[in-house]
Protein backbone atom coordinates (compact mmCIF):
# COMPACT_ATOMS: atom_id res chain seq x y z
CA MET A 1 45.22 -127.23 93.21
CA LYS A 2 46.70 -124.42 91.32
CA HIS A 3 43.83 -124.58 88.87
CA ARG A 4 41.46 -124.19 91.84
CA LEU A 5 43.23 -121.38 93.08
CA ARG A 6 43.41 -119.64 90.15
CA ALA A 7 39.75 -120.00 89.50
CA CYS A 8 39.20 -118.25 93.02
CA LEU A 9 41.72 -115.26 91.65
CA VAL A 10 39.84 -115.11 88.69
CA ILE A 11 36.31 -114.84 90.42
CA ILE A 12 37.54 -112.65 92.67
CA ILE A 13 39.21 -110.05 89.90
CA LEU A 14 35.93 -110.37 88.06
CA SER A 15 33.91 -109.62 91.05
CA LEU A 16 36.00 -106.72 91.62
CA SER A 17 35.51 -105.65 88.26
CA CYS A 18 32.13 -105.62 88.12
CA LEU A 19 31.89 -103.83 91.63
CA CYS A 20 33.94 -100.88 90.12
CA SER A 21 31.83 -101.41 86.91
CA SER A 22 28.86 -100.87 89.12
CA VAL A 23 30.55 -98.50 91.10
CA GLU A 24 31.09 -96.40 88.38
CA ALA A 25 27.57 -97.03 86.62
CA SER A 26 26.55 -95.70 89.67
CA LYS A 27 28.30 -92.38 89.79
CA ALA A 28 27.15 -91.63 86.21
CA GLU A 29 23.83 -91.74 87.53
CA VAL A 30 24.34 -89.73 90.16
CA ASP A 31 26.07 -87.27 88.19
CA ARG A 32 22.99 -87.75 85.37
CA LEU A 33 20.86 -86.42 88.33
CA LYS A 34 22.73 -83.80 89.73
CA GLU A 35 22.66 -82.12 86.49
CA GLU A 36 19.14 -83.05 86.06
CA THR A 37 18.67 -81.36 89.28
CA GLU A 38 20.63 -78.17 89.11
CA ASN A 39 18.54 -77.54 85.95
CA ALA A 40 15.19 -78.22 87.57
CA THR A 41 16.66 -76.02 90.29
CA GLN A 42 17.54 -73.12 88.05
CA LYS A 43 14.34 -73.38 86.20
CA VAL A 44 12.52 -72.85 89.13
CA GLU A 45 14.60 -69.78 90.03
CA ASP A 46 14.28 -68.27 86.78
CA LEU A 47 10.28 -68.72 87.42
CA LYS A 48 10.67 -67.13 90.48
CA ASN A 49 12.67 -64.10 89.15
CA GLN A 50 10.02 -64.02 86.01
CA GLN A 51 7.45 -64.08 88.39
CA GLN A 52 8.80 -61.02 90.59
CA GLN A 53 9.48 -59.03 87.74
CA VAL A 54 5.59 -59.13 86.35
CA GLN A 55 4.99 -58.78 90.14
CA ASP A 56 6.92 -55.30 90.48
CA ALA A 57 5.56 -54.27 86.97
CA LYS A 58 2.21 -54.79 88.14
CA ASN A 59 2.72 -53.06 91.53
CA GLN A 60 4.36 -50.09 89.41
CA LEU A 61 0.86 -50.04 87.16
CA GLU A 62 -1.21 -50.45 90.50
CA SER A 63 0.56 -47.29 91.67
CA GLN A 64 0.22 -45.76 88.32
CA ALA A 65 -3.88 -46.35 88.62
CA ASP A 66 -3.63 -45.07 92.20
CA SER A 67 -1.89 -42.13 90.92
CA LEU A 68 -4.89 -41.34 87.70
CA SER A 69 -7.59 -42.25 90.11
CA GLY A 70 -6.19 -39.55 92.66
CA GLN A 71 -5.88 -37.17 89.47
CA ILE A 72 -9.37 -37.76 88.27
CA THR A 73 -10.40 -37.14 91.57
CA ASP A 74 -8.68 -33.98 92.06
CA LEU A 75 -9.98 -33.17 88.59
CA ASN A 76 -13.66 -33.63 89.49
CA ASN A 77 -13.18 -31.76 92.48
CA GLN A 78 -11.63 -28.47 90.46
CA ILE A 79 -14.70 -29.23 88.01
CA SER A 80 -17.17 -28.81 90.96
CA THR A 81 -15.15 -25.57 92.24
CA VAL A 82 -15.16 -24.16 88.93
CA THR A 83 -18.87 -25.34 88.23
CA GLY A 84 -20.10 -23.20 91.77
CA GLU A 85 -17.70 -20.56 90.76
CA ILE A 86 -19.69 -20.31 87.14
CA SER A 87 -23.22 -20.48 88.98
CA ASN A 88 -22.30 -17.57 91.65
CA THR A 89 -20.97 -15.94 88.51
CA GLU A 90 -23.96 -16.39 86.52
CA GLN A 91 -25.77 -15.02 90.01
CA ASP A 92 -23.23 -12.02 90.03
CA ILE A 93 -24.33 -11.45 86.38
CA ALA A 94 -28.00 -11.90 86.40
CA ALA A 95 -27.92 -9.47 89.69
CA VAL A 96 -25.69 -6.93 87.61
CA GLU A 97 -28.17 -7.26 84.80
CA ALA A 98 -31.01 -6.44 86.94
CA ASP A 99 -29.21 -3.42 88.06
CA ILE A 100 -28.36 -2.21 84.43
CA ASN A 101 -32.55 -2.70 83.34
CA LYS A 102 -33.64 -0.79 87.02
CA LEU A 103 -30.66 1.99 86.10
CA SER A 104 -31.96 2.03 82.64
CA ASP A 105 -35.34 2.39 84.00
CA GLU A 106 -34.56 5.32 86.49
CA ILE A 107 -32.40 7.13 83.35
CA THR A 108 -35.60 6.85 81.21
CA THR A 109 -37.78 8.20 84.15
CA ILE A 110 -35.21 11.05 84.50
CA GLN A 111 -35.04 11.74 81.01
CA ASN A 112 -38.76 12.10 80.80
CA SER A 113 -39.10 14.15 83.74
CA LEU A 114 -36.39 16.65 82.12
CA ASP A 115 -38.00 16.52 79.05
CA ALA A 116 -41.28 17.38 80.84
CA GLN A 117 -40.07 20.07 82.82
CA LYS A 118 -38.37 21.47 79.37
CA ARG A 119 -41.58 21.41 77.49
CA SER A 120 -43.23 22.85 80.96
CA MET A 121 -40.68 25.80 80.58
CA LYS A 122 -41.19 26.31 77.20
CA ALA A 123 -44.95 26.45 77.22
CA ARG A 124 -44.71 29.24 80.42
CA ILE A 125 -41.82 31.28 78.38
CA GLN A 126 -44.11 31.10 75.15
CA TYR A 127 -47.51 31.91 77.39
CA MET A 128 -45.30 35.26 79.21
CA TYR A 129 -44.14 36.19 75.81
CA GLU A 130 -47.46 35.82 73.86
CA ASN A 131 -48.89 37.59 76.66
CA LYS A 132 -46.12 40.50 77.36
CA SER A 133 -45.54 39.46 80.32
CA THR A 134 -41.88 39.24 80.02
CA ASN A 135 -41.38 42.99 79.15
CA THR A 136 -40.67 45.05 81.92
CA LEU A 137 -42.05 48.43 80.86
CA VAL A 138 -45.23 46.55 79.64
CA ASN A 139 -45.61 44.90 83.55
CA PHE A 140 -44.28 48.48 85.04
CA LEU A 141 -47.16 50.13 82.93
CA GLU A 142 -49.92 47.58 83.63
CA SER A 143 -49.07 47.94 87.28
CA GLY A 144 -50.89 49.90 89.53
CA THR A 145 -48.54 50.27 91.94
CA MET A 146 -44.81 49.86 92.58
CA SER A 147 -45.38 46.71 94.65
CA ASP A 148 -47.35 44.89 91.99
CA PHE A 149 -44.70 45.54 89.52
CA LEU A 150 -42.04 44.10 92.23
CA GLN A 151 -44.26 41.03 93.09
CA ARG A 152 -44.62 40.61 89.41
CA LEU A 153 -41.09 40.74 88.55
CA GLU A 154 -40.44 38.16 91.91
CA TYR A 155 -42.62 36.01 90.13
CA MET A 156 -41.29 35.81 87.23
CA SER A 157 -37.65 35.05 88.75
CA GLN A 158 -38.86 32.49 90.93
CA ILE A 159 -40.52 30.66 87.73
CA VAL A 160 -36.88 31.19 86.13
CA ASP A 161 -35.03 29.86 89.16
CA TYR A 162 -37.58 26.95 89.67
CA ASP A 163 -37.25 25.68 86.35
CA GLN A 164 -33.09 26.29 86.34
CA ARG A 165 -32.80 24.14 89.45
CA ALA A 166 -35.36 21.29 88.50
CA ILE A 167 -33.40 21.03 85.08
CA LYS A 168 -30.09 21.18 86.46
CA LYS A 169 -30.98 18.58 89.15
CA PHE A 170 -32.27 16.23 86.73
CA GLU A 171 -29.09 16.64 84.43
CA GLU A 172 -26.83 15.64 87.29
CA THR A 173 -29.16 12.78 88.51
CA GLN A 174 -29.28 11.69 84.97
CA ALA A 175 -25.52 12.11 84.54
CA SER A 176 -24.73 9.86 87.93
CA LEU A 177 -27.40 7.31 86.23
CA GLU A 178 -25.55 7.28 82.85
CA GLU A 179 -21.98 6.55 84.79
CA LYS A 180 -23.28 3.74 87.09
CA LYS A 181 -24.91 2.18 84.35
CA ALA A 182 -21.23 2.62 82.70
CA GLU A 183 -19.77 0.89 85.58
CA VAL A 184 -22.05 -1.44 85.76
CA GLU A 185 -22.34 -2.49 82.18
CA GLU A 186 -17.90 -2.67 82.76
CA LYS A 187 -19.05 -4.94 85.67
CA ASN A 188 -21.12 -7.25 83.50
CA LYS A 189 -18.48 -7.25 80.49
CA GLN A 190 -15.59 -8.35 83.10
CA LEU A 191 -18.46 -10.81 84.53
CA SER A 192 -19.17 -12.50 81.29
CA ALA A 193 -15.66 -12.59 80.40
CA TYR A 194 -14.98 -14.33 83.69
CA LYS A 195 -17.84 -16.97 82.94
CA SER A 196 -16.37 -17.50 79.38
CA SER A 197 -12.74 -18.05 80.82
CA LEU A 198 -14.49 -20.59 83.73
CA SER A 199 -16.35 -22.35 81.15
CA SER A 200 -13.41 -22.89 79.21
CA LYS A 201 -11.58 -24.02 82.31
CA LYS A 202 -13.85 -26.30 83.16
CA SER A 203 -14.11 -27.65 79.24
CA GLN A 204 -10.28 -28.48 79.78
CA LEU A 205 -10.64 -29.87 82.77
CA GLY A 206 -13.37 -32.08 81.29
CA ASN A 207 -11.05 -33.45 78.75
CA LEU A 208 -7.99 -34.13 81.19
CA VAL A 209 -10.59 -36.27 82.98
CA GLY A 210 -11.54 -38.12 79.80
CA ASN A 211 -7.82 -38.53 79.25
CA ALA A 212 -7.22 -39.74 82.80
CA ALA A 213 -10.11 -42.09 82.60
CA THR A 214 -8.55 -43.43 79.59
CA ALA A 215 -5.17 -43.75 80.74
CA LEU A 216 -6.74 -45.76 83.69
CA ASN A 217 -8.49 -47.99 81.98
CA VAL A 218 -5.49 -49.18 79.83
CA THR A 219 -3.77 -49.41 83.15
CA ALA A 220 -6.39 -51.35 84.44
CA GLY A 221 -6.55 -53.96 81.44
CA GLN A 222 -2.35 -54.36 81.87
CA ILE A 223 -3.08 -54.73 85.48
CA ALA A 224 -5.29 -57.72 84.68
CA ASP A 225 -2.81 -58.92 82.26
CA SER A 226 0.16 -58.72 84.83
CA GLN A 227 -2.35 -60.80 87.07
CA ALA A 228 -3.05 -63.36 84.98
CA ALA A 229 0.68 -64.00 83.80
CA ILE A 230 1.60 -64.42 87.43
CA GLU A 231 -1.44 -67.05 88.04
CA GLU A 232 0.29 -68.81 85.00
CA LEU A 233 3.61 -68.40 85.99
CA GLU A 234 2.75 -69.30 89.59
CA ARG A 235 1.11 -72.85 87.67
CA GLN A 236 4.43 -73.33 85.83
CA LEU A 237 6.44 -72.63 89.14
CA GLN A 238 4.35 -74.70 91.11
CA GLU A 239 5.29 -77.76 88.17
CA ALA A 240 8.82 -76.71 88.34
CA LYS A 241 8.91 -77.33 92.14
CA GLU A 242 7.17 -80.60 91.57
CA ASN A 243 9.66 -81.95 89.10
CA GLU A 244 12.41 -80.26 90.99
CA LYS A 245 10.89 -82.44 94.00
CA ARG A 246 10.75 -85.46 92.13
CA ILE A 247 14.32 -85.13 90.58
CA ARG A 248 15.98 -84.55 93.68
CA LYS A 249 14.48 -87.28 95.69
CA GLN A 250 15.82 -89.37 92.71
CA TYR A 251 19.16 -87.77 93.02
CA GLU A 252 19.28 -88.60 97.03
CA GLU A 253 18.02 -92.24 95.83
CA ALA A 254 21.03 -92.78 93.56
CA GLN A 255 23.40 -91.29 95.98
CA LEU A 256 21.94 -94.03 98.45
CA ALA A 257 22.42 -96.50 95.96
CA LEU A 258 25.83 -95.40 95.45
CA ALA A 259 26.50 -95.39 99.21
CA GLN A 260 25.42 -99.23 99.06
CA ARG A 261 27.30 -100.65 96.53
CA LEU A 262 30.09 -99.30 98.66
CA ALA A 263 28.54 -101.60 101.55
CA GLY A 264 31.74 -102.72 103.67
CA GLU A 265 34.01 -99.52 102.81
CA HIS A 266 35.09 -97.90 105.56
CA GLY A 267 37.23 -94.43 105.80
CA ALA A 268 40.65 -95.26 106.64
CA TYR A 269 42.70 -91.57 106.84
CA LYS A 270 45.14 -91.03 109.51
CA GLY A 271 47.24 -88.43 108.10
CA GLY A 272 50.05 -88.09 105.61
CA TYR A 273 47.93 -85.70 103.27
CA ALA A 274 50.31 -83.72 101.30
CA GLY A 275 48.23 -80.58 100.57
CA ASP A 276 48.81 -76.78 100.14
CA ALA A 277 47.39 -73.87 101.89
CA ASP A 278 44.68 -73.28 99.03
CA GLU A 279 43.14 -77.09 99.58
CA THR A 280 43.14 -76.68 103.13
CA THR A 281 40.99 -73.16 102.67
CA LEU A 282 39.05 -75.42 100.16
CA LEU A 283 38.04 -78.13 102.72
CA ALA A 284 37.15 -75.03 105.64
CA ALA A 285 34.71 -73.70 102.94
CA LEU A 286 32.85 -76.76 102.54
CA ILE A 287 32.77 -77.81 106.37
CA GLN A 288 31.66 -74.26 106.96
CA ALA A 289 29.03 -74.71 104.36
CA GLU A 290 27.87 -77.82 105.61
CA ALA A 291 28.15 -77.84 109.28
CA ASP A 292 29.24 -73.91 110.67
CA ASN A 293 26.77 -74.46 113.36
CA GLN A 294 27.62 -77.99 114.32
CA GLY A 295 30.39 -77.46 116.86
CA SER A 296 33.56 -78.42 116.41
CA ASP A 297 33.22 -82.02 116.46
CA GLY A 298 30.51 -81.73 113.59
CA ARG A 299 32.52 -79.77 111.80
CA LEU A 300 35.96 -81.77 112.04
CA ALA A 301 33.38 -85.02 111.24
CA VAL A 302 32.32 -83.43 107.94
CA GLY A 303 36.03 -82.70 107.38
CA SER A 304 36.79 -86.55 108.18
CA VAL A 305 34.49 -87.67 105.63
CA VAL A 306 36.54 -85.95 102.97
CA MET A 307 39.84 -87.31 103.75
CA ASN A 308 38.58 -90.67 104.42
CA ARG A 309 36.94 -90.32 100.69
CA VAL A 310 40.88 -88.96 99.53
CA ALA A 311 42.07 -92.26 101.23
CA SER A 312 39.60 -94.34 99.33
CA SER A 313 40.15 -96.22 96.19
CA LYS A 314 36.68 -95.38 94.99
CA PHE A 315 36.88 -91.61 95.14
CA PRO A 316 39.14 -89.14 93.78
CA ASN A 317 42.69 -88.81 95.77
CA THR A 318 42.91 -84.86 96.00
CA ILE A 319 40.71 -82.51 98.18
CA ALA A 320 39.82 -80.39 95.59
CA GLY A 321 38.87 -83.91 93.52
CA VAL A 322 36.42 -85.06 96.36
CA ILE A 323 34.64 -81.68 96.95
CA TYR A 324 33.64 -80.89 93.46
CA ALA A 325 33.17 -84.67 92.30
CA PRO A 326 29.61 -84.13 91.10
CA GLY A 327 26.50 -84.79 92.97
CA GLN A 328 28.57 -85.15 96.23
CA PHE A 329 27.81 -81.99 98.07
CA ALA A 330 24.73 -79.83 98.19
CA PRO A 331 26.46 -76.72 98.87
CA VAL A 332 28.73 -77.08 96.01
CA ALA A 333 25.78 -77.34 93.79
CA SER A 334 23.82 -74.73 95.20
CA GLY A 335 26.91 -71.76 95.02
CA ARG A 336 26.69 -71.23 98.73
CA PHE A 337 30.23 -72.81 99.03
CA ALA A 338 31.64 -70.44 96.07
CA ILE A 339 30.67 -67.61 98.31
CA ILE A 340 32.17 -68.55 101.59
CA LEU A 341 35.29 -69.37 99.63
CA ALA A 342 35.15 -66.18 98.17
CA ASN A 343 34.89 -64.16 101.68
CA GLY A 344 37.59 -66.87 102.97
CA PRO A 345 35.98 -69.25 105.69
CA ASN A 346 36.24 -68.59 109.71
CA LYS A 347 38.80 -69.53 112.19
CA GLY A 348 36.61 -72.32 113.64
CA CYS A 349 36.33 -74.07 110.13
CA MET A 350 40.09 -73.74 109.18
CA LYS A 351 41.05 -75.24 112.73
CA ALA A 352 39.01 -77.94 111.84
CA ALA A 353 40.48 -78.59 108.31
CA GLU A 354 43.77 -78.61 109.29
CA GLN A 355 42.89 -81.19 112.15
CA ALA A 356 41.33 -83.31 109.55
CA ILE A 357 44.00 -83.27 107.17
CA ALA A 358 46.59 -83.98 110.05
CA GLY A 359 44.44 -87.02 110.52
CA ASN A 360 42.70 -86.54 113.95
CA THR A 361 39.64 -87.40 112.29
CA ASN A 362 36.82 -88.52 114.52
CA THR A 363 34.80 -90.57 112.11
CA ASP A 364 35.52 -93.49 109.46
CA ALA A 365 32.22 -92.64 107.80
CA LEU A 366 32.27 -92.16 103.84
CA PHE A 367 29.07 -90.30 104.25
CA PHE A 368 26.41 -88.24 106.03
CA PHE A 369 23.25 -86.91 106.00
CA THR A 370 21.24 -84.71 108.40
CA THR A 371 19.69 -86.60 111.04
CA SER A 372 16.40 -85.95 110.49
CA TYR A 373 16.63 -87.00 106.51
CA ALA A 374 18.16 -90.30 107.37
CA GLN A 375 15.08 -90.77 110.27
CA ASN A 376 12.60 -90.12 107.57
CA LEU A 377 13.92 -92.50 105.25
CA HIS A 378 14.23 -95.06 107.87
CA ASP A 379 10.48 -94.76 108.76
CA THR A 380 9.68 -94.72 105.48
CA GLN A 381 11.64 -98.00 104.50
CA VAL A 382 10.23 -99.63 107.48
CA ALA A 383 6.26 -98.09 106.86
CA ASN A 384 7.14 -99.65 103.10
CA GLY A 385 7.88 -103.34 104.48
CA GLN A 386 11.49 -102.89 103.59
CA GLU A 387 14.60 -103.02 105.69
CA GLY A 388 15.17 -99.85 107.54
CA PHE A 389 18.06 -97.61 106.26
CA PHE A 390 19.70 -97.43 110.03
CA ASP A 391 19.26 -101.20 109.85
CA ARG A 392 21.46 -101.29 106.66
CA THR A 393 23.93 -98.92 108.04
CA GLU A 394 26.51 -97.90 110.72
CA GLY A 395 27.26 -94.90 112.09
CA ILE A 396 27.55 -92.08 114.44
CA THR A 397 25.21 -88.99 115.40
CA ILE A 398 26.85 -86.07 115.60
CA ARG A 399 25.61 -82.88 116.33
CA ALA A 400 22.69 -82.57 113.61
CA HIS A 401 24.27 -85.15 111.13
CA TYR A 402 24.46 -88.44 110.91
CA TYR A 403 27.78 -90.32 109.67
CA TYR A 404 27.50 -93.69 108.30
CA ASN A 405 28.92 -96.72 105.85
CA TYR A 406 26.99 -99.69 104.73
CA LYS A 407 27.08 -102.39 106.28
């Protein structure tokens, strides 16, 4: 009888040892997959950041390209304006040159008329001199009467006055034309200088257009390179997301496996934990991260799970140990828990933490999932011909979470 009892005890001890070893192995697998999940998630985030940086650079390049296109349009408009001004100036120069030619012709005509008048006057004077018609005494002696003499003198005076007036008129007209010609030539000189300035400006604008076009081509090439980089990063990002999804699934399955190995385990916390204010704040922060929008009963349920684990020999025996155990609570891994802890949890979650620590628990569950995830898991297992998740567990649904233990 003693030998049989001793054998039973050995079997029990070996079974417990195997169970503990199995549990520890499951925990190690969960830890490993948690690390892989975090690495995969980090890679996704890194690729997203790289993609955003390249997209920002592309956006800047596109803005630069738009600016260059605007500059080219503006410069081309300026060139069109300058070209029009050059055309107008050339027309003005042509009109001024026509005026100069006309004035030159008029000056030549006046000069010819003046020369002819001077020659005519010279010829008359020479004739009168040679025929002694300028000698007053001779004219008097040759005149038959005083009336005839006076008529001769009047005639000679009229001829001289006519010649003098004609010469003066021609000279005044010539001087006026010369002055006008000088003004027109000055205007022509100014227009030519203006045309030269416009041509130089047009050349400069052309160079600016060429430089802007070159810069635009370079920018377009950079935009194309950025787009190619974005597409490559998108491909890598999709691969990283698929890898993250695959590892996360393995991680969740490993957690389930761990829960299965604790089949029959139930939480039994009824109070008595000697914690401090810091641990109460830790628990409140976790409750806020997991169930802030789940009402007072949902918040208390999360606190109950933590305290049930503290009381279990299969988990760490402190609140901090349970919360920071690798691979147990997603908000701890994602960093959301740390943000809430830094800002301080709200009053409702602090109250739930205090109630849970005092032993006012509302579930004996050691695990919980969102109800939607648990339902999908159950449906998938049933569809695959397996025993469903709900068939293998016992628990309670509180708001959006299913709190459970394995049977």
